[in-house]
PDB file of all heavy atoms in Angstrom:
ATOM      1  N   ASN A   1     -37.464  22.477 -54.456  1.00  0.00           N
ATOM      2  CA  ASN A   1     -38.217  23.163 -53.396  1.00  0.00           C
ATOM      3  C   ASN A   1     -38.102  24.670 -53.514  1.00  0.00           C
ATOM      4  O   ASN A   1     -38.375  25.364 -52.542  1.00  0.00           O
ATOM      5  CB  ASN A   1     -37.826  22.654 -52.000  1.00  0.00           C
ATOM      6  CG  ASN A   1     -36.326  22.842 -51.737  1.00  0.00           C
ATOM      7  OD1 ASN A   1     -35.534  23.052 -52.652  1.00  0.00           O
ATOM      8  ND2 ASN A   1     -35.929  22.768 -50.499  1.00  0.00           N
ATOM      9  N   GLY A   2     -37.738  25.173 -54.679  1.00  0.00           N
ATOM     10  CA  GLY A   2     -37.805  26.598 -54.942  1.00  0.00           C
ATOM     11  C   GLY A   2     -36.629  27.450 -54.584  1.00  0.00           C
ATOM     12  O   GLY A   2     -36.697  28.673 -54.668  1.00  0.00           O
ATOM     13  N   LEU A   3     -35.515  26.807 -54.162  1.00  0.00           N
ATOM     14  CA  LEU A   3     -34.336  27.619 -53.827  1.00  0.00           C
ATOM     15  C   LEU A   3     -33.706  28.072 -55.136  1.00  0.00           C
ATOM     16  O   LEU A   3     -33.806  27.416 -56.150  1.00  0.00           O
ATOM     17  CB  LEU A   3     -33.314  26.764 -53.070  1.00  0.00           C
ATOM     18  CG  LEU A   3     -33.770  26.063 -51.764  1.00  0.00           C
ATOM     19  CD1 LEU A   3     -32.621  25.270 -51.190  1.00  0.00           C
ATOM     20  CD2 LEU A   3     -34.295  27.086 -50.771  1.00  0.00           C
ATOM     21  N   VAL A   4     -33.001  29.248 -55.082  1.00  0.00           N
ATOM     22  CA  VAL A   4     -32.187  29.643 -56.189  1.00  0.00           C
ATOM     23  C   VAL A   4     -30.871  28.873 -56.128  1.00  0.00           C
ATOM     24  O   VAL A   4     -30.256  28.735 -55.080  1.00  0.00           O
ATOM     25  CB  VAL A   4     -31.897  31.169 -56.157  1.00  0.00           C
ATOM     26  CG1 VAL A   4     -30.854  31.540 -57.172  1.00  0.00           C
ATOM     27  CG2 VAL A   4     -33.192  31.966 -56.395  1.00  0.00           C
ATOM     28  N   ALA A   5     -30.448  28.344 -57.274  1.00  0.00           N
ATOM     29  CA  ALA A   5     -29.198  27.568 -57.359  1.00  0.00           C
ATOM     30  C   ALA A   5     -28.332  28.183 -58.489  1.00  0.00           C
ATOM     31  O   ALA A   5     -28.887  28.613 -59.502  1.00  0.00           O
ATOM     32  CB  ALA A   5     -29.453  26.092 -57.671  1.00  0.00           C
ATOM     33  N   ALA A   6     -27.046  28.283 -58.265  1.00  0.00           N
ATOM     34  CA  ALA A   6     -26.132  28.822 -59.252  1.00  0.00           C
ATOM     35  C   ALA A   6     -24.850  28.040 -59.281  1.00  0.00           C
ATOM     36  O   ALA A   6     -24.392  27.644 -58.205  1.00  0.00           O
ATOM     37  CB  ALA A   6     -25.892  30.315 -58.965  1.00  0.00           C
ATOM     38  N   VAL A   7     -24.290  27.883 -60.469  1.00  0.00           N
ATOM     39  CA  VAL A   7     -23.051  27.140 -60.623  1.00  0.00           C
ATOM     40  C   VAL A   7     -22.191  27.859 -61.671  1.00  0.00           C
ATOM     41  O   VAL A   7     -22.704  28.274 -62.733  1.00  0.00           O
ATOM     42  CB  VAL A   7     -23.303  25.664 -61.137  1.00  0.00           C
ATOM     43  CG1 VAL A   7     -21.981  24.921 -61.236  1.00  0.00           C
ATOM     44  CG2 VAL A   7     -24.284  24.970 -60.267  1.00  0.00           C
ATOM     45  N   VAL A   8     -20.906  27.980 -61.406  1.00  0.00           N
ATOM     46  CA  VAL A   8     -19.928  28.415 -62.390  1.00  0.00           C
ATOM     47  C   VAL A   8     -18.740  27.463 -62.392  1.00  0.00           C
ATOM     48  O   VAL A   8     -18.250  27.085 -61.312  1.00  0.00           O
ATOM     49  CB  VAL A   8     -19.452  29.879 -62.072  1.00  0.00           C
ATOM     50  CG1 VAL A   8     -18.225  30.197 -62.951  1.00  0.00           C
ATOM     51  CG2 VAL A   8     -20.573  30.873 -62.354  1.00  0.00           C
ATOM     52  N   ALA A   9     -18.282  27.097 -63.574  1.00  0.00           N
ATOM     53  CA  ALA A   9     -17.142  26.183 -63.695  1.00  0.00           C
ATOM     54  C   ALA A   9     -16.205  26.709 -64.781  1.00  0.00           C
ATOM     55  O   ALA A   9     -16.621  27.200 -65.806  1.00  0.00           O
ATOM     56  CB  ALA A   9     -17.643  24.760 -64.073  1.00  0.00           C
ATOM     57  N   ASP A  10     -14.921  26.553 -64.499  1.00  0.00           N
ATOM     58  CA  ASP A  10     -13.867  27.051 -65.424  1.00  0.00           C
ATOM     59  C   ASP A  10     -12.931  25.870 -65.740  1.00  0.00           C
ATOM     60  O   ASP A  10     -12.197  25.379 -64.917  1.00  0.00           O
ATOM     61  CB  ASP A  10     -13.091  28.161 -64.693  1.00  0.00           C
ATOM     62  CG  ASP A  10     -11.916  28.699 -65.530  1.00  0.00           C
ATOM     63  OD1 ASP A  10     -11.658  28.177 -66.616  1.00  0.00           O
ATOM     64  OD2 ASP A  10     -11.248  29.652 -65.045  1.00  0.00           O
ATOM     65  N   GLY A  11     -13.119  25.303 -66.968  1.00  0.00           N
ATOM     66  CA  GLY A  11     -12.446  24.121 -67.362  1.00  0.00           C
ATOM     67  C   GLY A  11     -10.996  24.300 -67.743  1.00  0.00           C
ATOM     68  O   GLY A  11     -10.535  25.372 -68.023  1.00  0.00           O
ATOM     69  N   MET A  12     -10.242  23.197 -67.707  1.00  0.00           N
ATOM     70  CA  MET A  12      -8.844  23.161 -68.091  1.00  0.00           C
ATOM     71  C   MET A  12      -8.532  21.807 -68.712  1.00  0.00           C
ATOM     72  O   MET A  12      -9.202  20.819 -68.472  1.00  0.00           O
ATOM     73  CB  MET A  12      -7.962  23.389 -66.836  1.00  0.00           C
ATOM     74  CG  MET A  12      -8.131  22.315 -65.795  1.00  0.00           C
ATOM     75  SD  MET A  12      -7.248  22.700 -64.286  1.00  0.00           S
ATOM     76  CE  MET A  12      -7.461  21.150 -63.402  1.00  0.00           C
ATOM     77  N   GLY A  13      -7.526  21.820 -69.558  1.00  0.00           N
ATOM     78  CA  GLY A  13      -7.097  20.570 -70.227  1.00  0.00           C
ATOM     79  C   GLY A  13      -6.612  20.891 -71.654  1.00  0.00           C
ATOM     80  O   GLY A  13      -6.377  22.057 -72.002  1.00  0.00           O
ATOM     81  N   GLY A  14      -6.484  19.818 -72.439  1.00  0.00           N
ATOM     82  CA  GLY A  14      -6.010  19.989 -73.826  1.00  0.00           C
ATOM     83  C   GLY A  14      -7.092  20.539 -74.713  1.00  0.00           C
ATOM     84  O   GLY A  14      -8.058  21.130 -74.248  1.00  0.00           O
ATOM     85  N   HIS A  15      -6.965  20.302 -75.996  1.00  0.00           N
ATOM     86  CA  HIS A  15      -7.865  20.876 -77.019  1.00  0.00           C
ATOM     87  C   HIS A  15      -9.323  20.552 -76.696  1.00  0.00           C
ATOM     88  O   HIS A  15      -9.750  19.386 -76.734  1.00  0.00           O
ATOM     89  CB  HIS A  15      -7.508  20.352 -78.388  1.00  0.00           C
ATOM     90  CG  HIS A  15      -8.402  20.856 -79.475  1.00  0.00           C
ATOM     91  ND1 HIS A  15      -8.483  22.141 -79.808  1.00  0.00           N
ATOM     92  CD2 HIS A  15      -9.270  20.211 -80.328  1.00  0.00           C
ATOM     93  CE1 HIS A  15      -9.317  22.357 -80.786  1.00  0.00           C
ATOM     94  NE2 HIS A  15      -9.796  21.171 -81.125  1.00  0.00           N
ATOM     95  N   LYS A  16     -10.090  21.535 -76.323  1.00  0.00           N
ATOM     96  CA  LYS A  16     -11.517  21.444 -76.011  1.00  0.00           C
ATOM     97  C   LYS A  16     -11.807  20.575 -74.783  1.00  0.00           C
ATOM     98  O   LYS A  16     -12.973  20.443 -74.404  1.00  0.00           O
ATOM     99  CB  LYS A  16     -12.327  20.907 -77.190  1.00  0.00           C
ATOM    100  CG  LYS A  16     -12.377  21.906 -78.375  1.00  0.00           C
ATOM    101  CD  LYS A  16     -13.399  21.477 -79.406  1.00  0.00           C
ATOM    102  CE  LYS A  16     -13.483  22.504 -80.481  1.00  0.00           C
ATOM    103  NZ  LYS A  16     -14.453  22.133 -81.525  1.00  0.00           N
ATOM    104  N   ALA A  17     -10.770  20.034 -74.101  1.00  0.00           N
ATOM    105  CA  ALA A  17     -11.066  19.204 -72.940  1.00  0.00           C
ATOM    106  C   ALA A  17     -11.645  19.979 -71.803  1.00  0.00           C
ATOM    107  O   ALA A  17     -12.485  19.497 -71.057  1.00  0.00           O
ATOM    108  CB  ALA A  17      -9.804  18.443 -72.536  1.00  0.00           C
ATOM    109  N   GLY A  18     -11.124  21.201 -71.575  1.00  0.00           N
ATOM    110  CA  GLY A  18     -11.661  22.020 -70.526  1.00  0.00           C
ATOM    111  C   GLY A  18     -13.098  22.355 -70.719  1.00  0.00           C
ATOM    112  O   GLY A  18     -13.910  22.410 -69.784  1.00  0.00           O
ATOM    113  N   GLU A  19     -13.477  22.616 -71.976  1.00  0.00           N
ATOM    114  CA  GLU A  19     -14.877  22.866 -72.312  1.00  0.00           C
ATOM    115  C   GLU A  19     -15.756  21.630 -71.952  1.00  0.00           C
ATOM    116  O   GLU A  19     -16.878  21.807 -71.437  1.00  0.00           O
ATOM    117  CB  GLU A  19     -14.994  23.171 -73.825  1.00  0.00           C
ATOM    118  CG  GLU A  19     -16.345  23.475 -74.294  1.00  0.00           C
ATOM    119  CD  GLU A  19     -16.396  23.649 -75.844  1.00  0.00           C
ATOM    120  OE1 GLU A  19     -15.491  23.146 -76.511  1.00  0.00           O
ATOM    121  OE2 GLU A  19     -17.348  24.295 -76.301  1.00  0.00           O
ATOM    122  N   VAL A  20     -15.242  20.461 -72.229  1.00  0.00           N
ATOM    123  CA  VAL A  20     -15.965  19.244 -71.972  1.00  0.00           C
ATOM    124  C   VAL A  20     -16.109  19.080 -70.441  1.00  0.00           C
ATOM    125  O   VAL A  20     -17.191  18.749 -69.916  1.00  0.00           O
ATOM    126  CB  VAL A  20     -15.300  18.016 -72.539  1.00  0.00           C
ATOM    127  CG1 VAL A  20     -15.921  16.708 -72.091  1.00  0.00           C
ATOM    128  CG2 VAL A  20     -15.315  18.096 -74.074  1.00  0.00           C
ATOM    129  N   ALA A  21     -14.991  19.283 -69.679  1.00  0.00           N
ATOM    130  CA  ALA A  21     -15.046  19.098 -68.252  1.00  0.00           C
ATOM    131  C   ALA A  21     -15.999  20.061 -67.577  1.00  0.00           C
ATOM    132  O   ALA A  21     -16.787  19.622 -66.730  1.00  0.00           O
ATOM    133  CB  ALA A  21     -13.617  19.321 -67.690  1.00  0.00           C
ATOM    134  N   SER A  22     -15.919  21.331 -67.918  1.00  0.00           N
ATOM    135  CA  SER A  22     -16.836  22.282 -67.253  1.00  0.00           C
ATOM    136  C   SER A  22     -18.280  22.022 -67.608  1.00  0.00           C
ATOM    137  O   SER A  22     -19.158  22.110 -66.770  1.00  0.00           O
ATOM    138  CB  SER A  22     -16.431  23.722 -67.639  1.00  0.00           C
ATOM    139  OG  SER A  22     -16.559  23.972 -68.967  1.00  0.00           O
ATOM    140  N   GLY A  23     -18.528  21.671 -68.861  1.00  0.00           N
ATOM    141  CA  GLY A  23     -19.883  21.346 -69.294  1.00  0.00           C
ATOM    142  C   GLY A  23     -20.484  20.139 -68.602  1.00  0.00           C
ATOM    143  O   GLY A  23     -21.594  20.149 -68.182  1.00  0.00           O
ATOM    144  N   MET A  24     -19.628  19.107 -68.463  1.00  0.00           N
ATOM    145  CA  MET A  24     -20.106  17.881 -67.736  1.00  0.00           C
ATOM    146  C   MET A  24     -20.403  18.189 -66.291  1.00  0.00           C
ATOM    147  O   MET A  24     -21.361  17.677 -65.717  1.00  0.00           O
ATOM    148  CB  MET A  24     -19.041  16.792 -67.871  1.00  0.00           C
ATOM    149  CG  MET A  24     -18.897  16.144 -69.214  1.00  0.00           C
ATOM    150  SD  MET A  24     -17.758  14.787 -69.197  1.00  0.00           S
ATOM    151  CE  MET A  24     -18.667  13.611 -68.192  1.00  0.00           C
ATOM    152  N   ALA A  25     -19.508  18.959 -65.662  1.00  0.00           N
ATOM    153  CA  ALA A  25     -19.686  19.300 -64.233  1.00  0.00           C
ATOM    154  C   ALA A  25     -20.950  20.086 -63.991  1.00  0.00           C
ATOM    155  O   ALA A  25     -21.763  19.778 -63.099  1.00  0.00           O
ATOM    156  CB  ALA A  25     -18.483  20.072 -63.705  1.00  0.00           C
ATOM    157  N   VAL A  26     -21.174  21.110 -64.831  1.00  0.00           N
ATOM    158  CA  VAL A  26     -22.400  21.892 -64.703  1.00  0.00           C
ATOM    159  C   VAL A  26     -23.627  21.104 -64.980  1.00  0.00           C
ATOM    160  O   VAL A  26     -24.646  21.215 -64.283  1.00  0.00           O
ATOM    161  CB  VAL A  26     -22.306  23.171 -65.574  1.00  0.00           C
ATOM    162  CG1 VAL A  26     -23.668  23.887 -65.618  1.00  0.00           C
ATOM    163  CG2 VAL A  26     -21.226  24.075 -65.101  1.00  0.00           C
ATOM    164  N   GLU A  27     -23.605  20.261 -66.021  1.00  0.00           N
ATOM    165  CA  GLU A  27     -24.773  19.450 -66.332  1.00  0.00           C
ATOM    166  C   GLU A  27     -25.121  18.487 -65.195  1.00  0.00           C
ATOM    167  O   GLU A  27     -26.303  18.326 -64.820  1.00  0.00           O
ATOM    168  CB  GLU A  27     -24.546  18.665 -67.617  1.00  0.00           C
ATOM    169  CG  GLU A  27     -25.741  17.860 -68.112  1.00  0.00           C
ATOM    170  CD  GLU A  27     -26.982  18.722 -68.453  1.00  0.00           C
ATOM    171  OE1 GLU A  27     -26.812  19.924 -68.726  1.00  0.00           O
ATOM    172  OE2 GLU A  27     -28.113  18.216 -68.424  1.00  0.00           O
ATOM    173  N   SER A  28     -24.108  17.857 -64.611  1.00  0.00           N
ATOM    174  CA  SER A  28     -24.333  16.942 -63.472  1.00  0.00           C
ATOM    175  C   SER A  28     -24.952  17.698 -62.296  1.00  0.00           C
ATOM    176  O   SER A  28     -25.930  17.242 -61.695  1.00  0.00           O
ATOM    177  CB  SER A  28     -22.979  16.333 -63.045  1.00  0.00           C
ATOM    178  OG  SER A  28     -23.118  15.577 -61.867  1.00  0.00           O
ATOM    179  N   LEU A  29     -24.391  18.878 -61.966  1.00  0.00           N
ATOM    180  CA  LEU A  29     -24.947  19.652 -60.847  1.00  0.00           C
ATOM    181  C   LEU A  29     -26.305  20.243 -61.173  1.00  0.00           C
ATOM    182  O   LEU A  29     -27.165  20.312 -60.283  1.00  0.00           O
ATOM    183  CB  LEU A  29     -23.935  20.738 -60.462  1.00  0.00           C
ATOM    184  CG  LEU A  29     -22.732  20.193 -59.772  1.00  0.00           C
ATOM    185  CD1 LEU A  29     -21.572  21.224 -59.780  1.00  0.00           C
ATOM    186  CD2 LEU A  29     -23.021  19.779 -58.332  1.00  0.00           C
ATOM    187  N   LYS A  30     -26.546  20.668 -62.389  1.00  0.00           N
ATOM    188  CA  LYS A  30     -27.814  21.132 -62.767  1.00  0.00           C
ATOM    189  C   LYS A  30     -28.906  20.079 -62.542  1.00  0.00           C
ATOM    190  O   LYS A  30     -29.968  20.370 -61.949  1.00  0.00           O
ATOM    191  CB  LYS A  30     -27.843  21.571 -64.243  1.00  0.00           C
ATOM    192  CG  LYS A  30     -29.183  21.973 -64.795  1.00  0.00           C
ATOM    193  CD  LYS A  30     -29.072  22.330 -66.300  1.00  0.00           C
ATOM    194  CE  LYS A  30     -30.428  22.676 -66.876  1.00  0.00           C
ATOM    195  NZ  LYS A  30     -30.339  22.967 -68.294  1.00  0.00           N
ATOM    196  N   LEU A  31     -28.663  18.880 -62.934  1.00  0.00           N
ATOM    197  CA  LEU A  31     -29.630  17.798 -62.731  1.00  0.00           C
ATOM    198  C   LEU A  31     -29.833  17.457 -61.272  1.00  0.00           C
ATOM    199  O   LEU A  31     -30.985  17.340 -60.830  1.00  0.00           O
ATOM    200  CB  LEU A  31     -29.152  16.553 -63.500  1.00  0.00           C
ATOM    201  CG  LEU A  31     -29.193  16.629 -65.040  1.00  0.00           C
ATOM    202  CD1 LEU A  31     -28.551  15.394 -65.647  1.00  0.00           C
ATOM    203  CD2 LEU A  31     -30.650  16.746 -65.523  1.00  0.00           C
ATOM    204  N   SER A  32     -28.763  17.384 -60.492  1.00  0.00           N
ATOM    205  CA  SER A  32     -28.920  16.994 -59.109  1.00  0.00           C
ATOM    206  C   SER A  32     -29.513  18.144 -58.278  1.00  0.00           C
ATOM    207  O   SER A  32     -30.299  17.920 -57.378  1.00  0.00           O
ATOM    208  CB  SER A  32     -27.580  16.567 -58.555  1.00  0.00           C
ATOM    209  OG  SER A  32     -26.587  17.542 -58.668  1.00  0.00           O
ATOM    210  N   LEU A  33     -29.123  19.384 -58.559  1.00  0.00           N
ATOM    211  CA  LEU A  33     -29.646  20.502 -57.807  1.00  0.00           C
ATOM    212  C   LEU A  33     -31.106  20.782 -58.176  1.00  0.00           C
ATOM    213  O   LEU A  33     -31.891  21.231 -57.315  1.00  0.00           O
ATOM    214  CB  LEU A  33     -28.798  21.757 -58.036  1.00  0.00           C
ATOM    215  CG  LEU A  33     -27.391  21.721 -57.487  1.00  0.00           C
ATOM    216  CD1 LEU A  33     -26.609  22.929 -57.965  1.00  0.00           C
ATOM    217  CD2 LEU A  33     -27.390  21.614 -55.978  1.00  0.00           C
ATOM    218  N   SER A  34     -31.481  20.528 -59.378  1.00  0.00           N
ATOM    219  CA  SER A  34     -32.890  20.675 -59.769  1.00  0.00           C
ATOM    220  C   SER A  34     -33.827  19.750 -58.965  1.00  0.00           C
ATOM    221  O   SER A  34     -34.984  20.050 -58.786  1.00  0.00           O
ATOM    222  CB  SER A  34     -33.085  20.416 -61.261  1.00  0.00           C
ATOM    223  OG  SER A  34     -32.397  21.400 -62.048  1.00  0.00           O
TER     224      SER A  34
END
């Protein structure tokens, strides 16, 4: 409905796990907020 939406996530975990976690969270919210 035209609202501006913004998301920032800072991942944590072992080798590349934080990158996976933040990417999954943002992708989930991007889809639902869209």
